Amino acid sequence: MTITEQPGQLQITQDEQPLASLHYLCLSDTSWVLEQIFVRPSQSATMLADQLINRFTQLATTANVTVKLLDPYAKRYFSQHPEEQAILAANQLPVTGDAAVKPVALHLEHTEEE
């Protein structure tokens, strides 16, 4: 397996077949956003996602940027690895506990007259 790096993307491939990818945005010279991690369903999601996050963390640390997380798996990963939270921007939305973001059911009222 090989991790390839392109602007805004890390990808793990094996025999030229993509297995997993991590996508991020460079908002500025000091701020990045980790958007999404994709892992092929037939692969070990935890192992591949962790490899991508570890490499992303190395890149962010070297670039001296703060990171905002949008990907739910990445949020859980960083909540379980406090030693790597130094790169995180303040005010991240929690994924566990009472303050965690929870799905909300929409109750739309019908306003059109029939």
N, C-alpha and C. Protein backbone atom coordinates (compact mmCIF):
# COMPACT_ATOMS: atom_id res chain seq x y z
N MET A 1 0.84 -1.18 0.00
CA MET A 1 0.00 0.00 0.00
C MET A 1 0.89 1.24 0.00
N THR A 2 0.41 2.25 -0.73
CA THR A 2 1.15 3.49 -0.87
C THR A 2 0.22 4.66 -0.61
N ILE A 3 0.73 5.65 0.14
CA ILE A 3 -0.02 6.90 0.32
C ILE A 3 0.53 7.91 -0.67
N THR A 4 -0.34 8.41 -1.53
CA THR A 4 0.05 9.46 -2.46
C THR A 4 -0.56 10.77 -2.00
N GLU A 5 0.16 11.85 -2.27
CA GLU A 5 -0.27 13.18 -1.82
C GLU A 5 -0.45 14.10 -3.02
N GLN A 6 -1.60 14.75 -3.03
CA GLN A 6 -1.90 15.78 -4.01
C GLN A 6 -2.46 16.95 -3.24
N PRO A 7 -2.45 18.15 -3.81
CA PRO A 7 -3.04 19.28 -3.08
C PRO A 7 -4.49 18.98 -2.68
N GLY A 8 -4.76 19.03 -1.38
CA GLY A 8 -6.11 18.81 -0.88
C GLY A 8 -6.54 17.36 -0.77
N GLN A 9 -5.64 16.42 -1.03
CA GLN A 9 -6.05 15.02 -1.00
C GLN A 9 -4.88 14.10 -0.67
N LEU A 10 -5.16 13.11 0.16
CA LEU A 10 -4.26 11.99 0.41
C LEU A 10 -4.99 10.75 -0.05
N GLN A 11 -4.27 9.81 -0.65
CA GLN A 11 -4.94 8.61 -1.16
C GLN A 11 -4.07 7.40 -0.89
N ILE A 12 -4.69 6.31 -0.45
CA ILE A 12 -4.00 5.03 -0.29
C ILE A 12 -4.38 4.16 -1.47
N THR A 13 -3.36 3.64 -2.15
CA THR A 13 -3.59 2.76 -3.29
C THR A 13 -2.80 1.46 -3.09
N GLN A 14 -3.27 0.43 -3.75
CA GLN A 14 -2.56 -0.84 -3.80
C GLN A 14 -2.74 -1.39 -5.21
N ASP A 15 -1.65 -1.71 -5.85
CA ASP A 15 -1.68 -2.18 -7.25
C ASP A 15 -2.46 -1.20 -8.12
N GLU A 16 -2.23 0.09 -7.90
CA GLU A 16 -2.85 1.19 -8.64
C GLU A 16 -4.36 1.29 -8.44
N GLN A 17 -4.90 0.58 -7.47
CA GLN A 17 -6.33 0.65 -7.15
C GLN A 17 -6.52 1.51 -5.91
N PRO A 18 -7.38 2.54 -5.97
CA PRO A 18 -7.62 3.37 -4.78
C PRO A 18 -8.39 2.58 -3.71
N LEU A 19 -7.87 2.65 -2.47
CA LEU A 19 -8.52 1.96 -1.36
C LEU A 19 -9.19 2.94 -0.41
N ALA A 20 -8.58 4.13 -0.25
CA ALA A 20 -9.12 5.12 0.69
C ALA A 20 -8.55 6.48 0.32
N SER A 21 -9.29 7.54 0.72
CA SER A 21 -8.80 8.90 0.47
C SER A 21 -9.28 9.84 1.57
N LEU A 22 -8.51 10.88 1.77
CA LEU A 22 -8.83 11.94 2.73
C LEU A 22 -8.79 13.25 1.95
N HIS A 23 -9.83 14.08 2.12
CA HIS A 23 -9.94 15.33 1.39
C HIS A 23 -9.95 16.50 2.36
N TYR A 24 -9.15 17.52 2.04
CA TYR A 24 -9.08 18.69 2.91
C TYR A 24 -8.96 19.96 2.09
N LEU A 25 -9.33 21.08 2.71
CA LEU A 25 -9.24 22.40 2.10
C LEU A 25 -8.21 23.22 2.84
N CYS A 26 -7.43 23.98 2.10
CA CYS A 26 -6.53 24.96 2.70
C CYS A 26 -7.26 26.30 2.67
N LEU A 27 -7.81 26.70 3.81
CA LEU A 27 -8.54 27.96 3.86
C LEU A 27 -7.61 29.16 3.81
N SER A 28 -6.43 29.01 4.42
CA SER A 28 -5.44 30.09 4.45
C SER A 28 -4.09 29.46 4.77
N ASP A 29 -3.09 30.31 4.96
CA ASP A 29 -1.77 29.82 5.33
C ASP A 29 -1.74 29.24 6.74
N THR A 30 -2.79 29.49 7.52
CA THR A 30 -2.81 29.05 8.91
C THR A 30 -3.99 28.15 9.26
N SER A 31 -4.86 27.85 8.29
CA SER A 31 -6.08 27.10 8.62
C SER A 31 -6.46 26.12 7.51
N TRP A 32 -6.66 24.86 7.90
CA TRP A 32 -7.13 23.81 7.00
C TRP A 32 -8.42 23.22 7.54
N VAL A 33 -9.20 22.60 6.64
CA VAL A 33 -10.42 21.89 7.03
C VAL A 33 -10.32 20.46 6.51
N LEU A 34 -10.42 19.49 7.41
CA LEU A 34 -10.48 18.09 7.01
C LEU A 34 -11.94 17.80 6.69
N GLU A 35 -12.24 17.65 5.41
CA GLU A 35 -13.62 17.50 4.96
C GLU A 35 -14.17 16.09 5.11
N GLN A 36 -13.55 15.15 4.39
CA GLN A 36 -14.11 13.79 4.36
C GLN A 36 -13.03 12.75 4.20
N ILE A 37 -13.35 11.58 4.74
CA ILE A 37 -12.51 10.40 4.54
C ILE A 37 -13.39 9.34 3.88
N PHE A 38 -12.89 8.76 2.81
CA PHE A 38 -13.60 7.69 2.10
C PHE A 38 -12.77 6.42 2.15
N VAL A 39 -13.41 5.30 2.48
CA VAL A 39 -12.76 4.00 2.46
C VAL A 39 -13.66 3.04 1.70
N ARG A 40 -13.06 2.30 0.76
CA ARG A 40 -13.85 1.31 0.01
C ARG A 40 -14.49 0.34 0.97
N PRO A 41 -15.74 -0.03 0.73
CA PRO A 41 -16.46 -0.91 1.66
C PRO A 41 -15.75 -2.24 1.93
N SER A 42 -15.00 -2.75 0.97
CA SER A 42 -14.34 -4.04 1.15
C SER A 42 -13.06 -3.95 1.96
N GLN A 43 -12.68 -2.76 2.38
CA GLN A 43 -11.42 -2.56 3.11
C GLN A 43 -11.64 -2.33 4.59
N SER A 44 -10.55 -2.45 5.36
CA SER A 44 -10.60 -2.18 6.80
C SER A 44 -10.64 -0.68 7.01
N ALA A 45 -11.80 -0.17 7.33
CA ALA A 45 -11.98 1.28 7.45
C ALA A 45 -11.09 1.89 8.52
N THR A 46 -11.02 1.27 9.67
CA THR A 46 -10.25 1.84 10.77
C THR A 46 -8.78 1.94 10.43
N MET A 47 -8.19 0.87 9.94
CA MET A 47 -6.76 0.87 9.64
C MET A 47 -6.41 1.92 8.59
N LEU A 48 -7.14 1.95 7.49
CA LEU A 48 -6.82 2.88 6.41
C LEU A 48 -7.10 4.32 6.79
N ALA A 49 -8.23 4.57 7.45
CA ALA A 49 -8.55 5.93 7.87
C ALA A 49 -7.52 6.45 8.87
N ASP A 50 -7.09 5.60 9.79
CA ASP A 50 -6.08 6.01 10.76
C ASP A 50 -4.76 6.35 10.08
N GLN A 51 -4.36 5.59 9.08
CA GLN A 51 -3.14 5.89 8.33
C GLN A 51 -3.23 7.25 7.66
N LEU A 52 -4.37 7.53 7.05
CA LEU A 52 -4.56 8.82 6.38
C LEU A 52 -4.55 9.97 7.38
N ILE A 53 -5.23 9.79 8.52
CA ILE A 53 -5.26 10.84 9.54
C ILE A 53 -3.87 11.08 10.10
N ASN A 54 -3.11 10.01 10.33
CA ASN A 54 -1.74 10.18 10.84
C ASN A 54 -0.88 10.97 9.86
N ARG A 55 -0.99 10.68 8.59
CA ARG A 55 -0.20 11.42 7.59
C ARG A 55 -0.68 12.86 7.50
N PHE A 56 -2.00 13.07 7.52
CA PHE A 56 -2.55 14.42 7.49
C PHE A 56 -2.07 15.22 8.69
N THR A 57 -2.04 14.60 9.86
CA THR A 57 -1.57 15.27 11.07
C THR A 57 -0.11 15.68 10.93
N GLN A 58 0.70 14.83 10.34
CA GLN A 58 2.11 15.18 10.10
C GLN A 58 2.21 16.39 9.18
N LEU A 59 1.43 16.39 8.10
CA LEU A 59 1.47 17.51 7.16
C LEU A 59 1.01 18.81 7.82
N ALA A 60 -0.07 18.74 8.60
CA ALA A 60 -0.59 19.94 9.27
C ALA A 60 0.40 20.47 10.30
N THR A 61 1.05 19.57 11.02
CA THR A 61 2.04 19.99 12.02
C THR A 61 3.22 20.66 11.33
N THR A 62 3.70 20.07 10.24
CA THR A 62 4.82 20.65 9.50
C THR A 62 4.45 22.02 8.92
N ALA A 63 3.21 22.17 8.45
CA ALA A 63 2.76 23.43 7.87
C ALA A 63 2.39 24.46 8.95
N ASN A 64 2.35 24.02 10.20
CA ASN A 64 2.02 24.90 11.34
C ASN A 64 0.64 25.55 11.15
N VAL A 65 -0.35 24.71 10.88
CA VAL A 65 -1.72 25.20 10.68
C VAL A 65 -2.63 24.63 11.77
N THR A 66 -3.77 25.27 11.95
CA THR A 66 -4.82 24.70 12.79
C THR A 66 -5.83 24.03 11.87
N VAL A 67 -6.52 23.03 12.40
CA VAL A 67 -7.40 22.21 11.59
C VAL A 67 -8.81 22.21 12.19
N LYS A 68 -9.79 22.38 11.31
CA LYS A 68 -11.19 22.20 11.68
C LYS A 68 -11.64 20.88 11.07
N LEU A 69 -12.45 20.15 11.82
CA LEU A 69 -12.88 18.82 11.39
C LEU A 69 -14.35 18.83 10.99
N LEU A 70 -14.65 18.29 9.81
CA LEU A 70 -16.02 18.09 9.38
C LEU A 70 -16.38 16.60 9.36
N ASP A 71 -15.40 15.75 9.12
CA ASP A 71 -15.65 14.32 9.00
C ASP A 71 -15.93 13.69 10.35
N PRO A 72 -17.05 12.97 10.49
CA PRO A 72 -17.39 12.36 11.79
C PRO A 72 -16.35 11.37 12.30
N TYR A 73 -15.77 10.55 11.41
CA TYR A 73 -14.76 9.60 11.87
C TYR A 73 -13.54 10.34 12.40
N ALA A 74 -13.12 11.39 11.70
CA ALA A 74 -11.97 12.17 12.15
C ALA A 74 -12.24 12.81 13.51
N LYS A 75 -13.46 13.28 13.73
CA LYS A 75 -13.81 13.86 15.03
C LYS A 75 -13.68 12.82 16.14
N ARG A 76 -14.18 11.62 15.89
CA ARG A 76 -14.05 10.56 16.90
C ARG A 76 -12.59 10.20 17.12
N TYR A 77 -11.82 10.11 16.03
CA TYR A 77 -10.41 9.77 16.14
C TYR A 77 -9.69 10.76 17.06
N PHE A 78 -9.87 12.05 16.80
CA PHE A 78 -9.16 13.05 17.60
C PHE A 78 -9.68 13.09 19.05
N SER A 79 -10.95 12.77 19.27
CA SER A 79 -11.46 12.74 20.65
C SER A 79 -10.84 11.58 21.42
N GLN A 80 -10.40 10.53 20.72
CA GLN A 80 -9.78 9.37 21.35
C GLN A 80 -8.26 9.46 21.39
N HIS A 81 -7.68 10.48 20.75
CA HIS A 81 -6.23 10.66 20.71
C HIS A 81 -5.88 12.09 21.14
N PRO A 82 -6.01 12.39 22.43
CA PRO A 82 -5.77 13.76 22.90
C PRO A 82 -4.36 14.26 22.62
N GLU A 83 -3.40 13.37 22.49
CA GLU A 83 -2.02 13.78 22.20
C GLU A 83 -1.88 14.44 20.84
N GLU A 84 -2.85 14.24 19.95
CA GLU A 84 -2.79 14.81 18.61
C GLU A 84 -3.71 16.02 18.44
N GLN A 85 -4.35 16.47 19.51
CA GLN A 85 -5.32 17.55 19.42
C GLN A 85 -4.68 18.94 19.34
N ALA A 86 -3.37 19.03 19.44
CA ALA A 86 -2.71 20.34 19.41
C ALA A 86 -2.95 21.08 18.09
N ILE A 87 -3.20 20.36 17.01
CA ILE A 87 -3.40 21.02 15.72
C ILE A 87 -4.84 21.50 15.52
N LEU A 88 -5.75 21.09 16.39
CA LEU A 88 -7.16 21.42 16.20
C LEU A 88 -7.48 22.86 16.54
N ALA A 89 -8.30 23.47 15.71
CA ALA A 89 -8.79 24.82 15.98
C ALA A 89 -9.76 24.76 17.15
N ALA A 90 -9.92 25.88 17.83
CA ALA A 90 -10.86 25.94 18.95
C ALA A 90 -12.29 25.80 18.43
N ASN A 91 -13.19 25.47 19.32
CA ASN A 91 -14.63 25.42 19.03
C ASN A 91 -15.02 24.33 18.03
N GLN A 92 -14.45 23.15 18.16
CA GLN A 92 -14.87 22.01 17.36
C GLN A 92 -16.20 21.52 17.91
N LEU A 93 -17.07 21.03 17.05
CA LEU A 93 -18.33 20.44 17.50
C LEU A 93 -18.05 19.05 18.06
N PRO A 94 -18.49 18.76 19.29
CA PRO A 94 -18.23 17.45 19.88
C PRO A 94 -19.06 16.35 19.21
N VAL A 95 -18.52 15.12 19.25
CA VAL A 95 -19.23 13.99 18.66
C VAL A 95 -19.69 13.00 19.72
N THR A 96 -19.27 13.19 20.97
CA THR A 96 -19.71 12.32 22.05
C THR A 96 -20.15 13.16 23.23
N GLY A 97 -20.90 12.54 24.14
CA GLY A 97 -21.32 13.24 25.35
C GLY A 97 -22.62 14.02 25.15
N ASP A 98 -23.03 14.71 26.22
CA ASP A 98 -24.29 15.44 26.21
C ASP A 98 -24.31 16.59 25.21
N ALA A 99 -23.16 17.19 24.94
CA ALA A 99 -23.10 18.33 24.04
C ALA A 99 -22.92 17.93 22.58
N ALA A 100 -22.87 16.63 22.29
CA ALA A 100 -22.63 16.16 20.93
C ALA A 100 -23.76 16.56 19.99
N VAL A 101 -23.39 16.76 18.75
CA VAL A 101 -24.38 17.08 17.72
C VAL A 101 -25.24 15.85 17.51
N LYS A 102 -26.53 16.02 17.51
CA LYS A 102 -27.46 14.91 17.33
C LYS A 102 -28.38 15.20 16.14
N PRO A 103 -28.82 14.15 15.45
CA PRO A 103 -29.75 14.37 14.35
C PRO A 103 -31.03 15.02 14.84
N VAL A 104 -31.61 15.84 14.02
CA VAL A 104 -32.85 16.53 14.37
C VAL A 104 -33.90 16.17 13.34
N ALA A 105 -35.06 15.78 13.82
CA ALA A 105 -36.17 15.48 12.91
C ALA A 105 -36.81 16.79 12.49
N LEU A 106 -37.07 16.90 11.21
CA LEU A 106 -37.73 18.09 10.71
C LEU A 106 -39.23 17.91 10.74
N HIS A 107 -39.92 18.87 11.30
CA HIS A 107 -41.38 18.85 11.34
C HIS A 107 -41.86 20.07 10.56
N LEU A 108 -42.04 19.87 9.28
CA LEU A 108 -42.46 20.97 8.43
C LEU A 108 -43.98 21.05 8.43
N GLU A 109 -44.44 22.25 8.64
CA GLU A 109 -45.88 22.45 8.60
C GLU A 109 -46.31 22.77 7.17
N HIS A 110 -47.43 22.21 6.81
CA HIS A 110 -47.96 22.47 5.49
C HIS A 110 -48.61 23.85 5.49
N THR A 111 -48.12 24.76 4.67
CA THR A 111 -48.65 26.12 4.68
C THR A 111 -49.44 26.45 3.42
N GLU A 112 -49.38 25.62 2.43
CA GLU A 112 -50.09 25.88 1.18
C GLU A 112 -51.57 25.54 1.34
N GLU A 113 -52.41 26.46 0.89
CA GLU A 113 -53.83 26.19 0.96
C GLU A 113 -54.24 25.29 -0.19
N GLU A 114 -55.13 24.36 0.12
CA GLU A 114 -55.58 23.43 -0.92
C GLU A 114 -56.88 23.88 -1.51
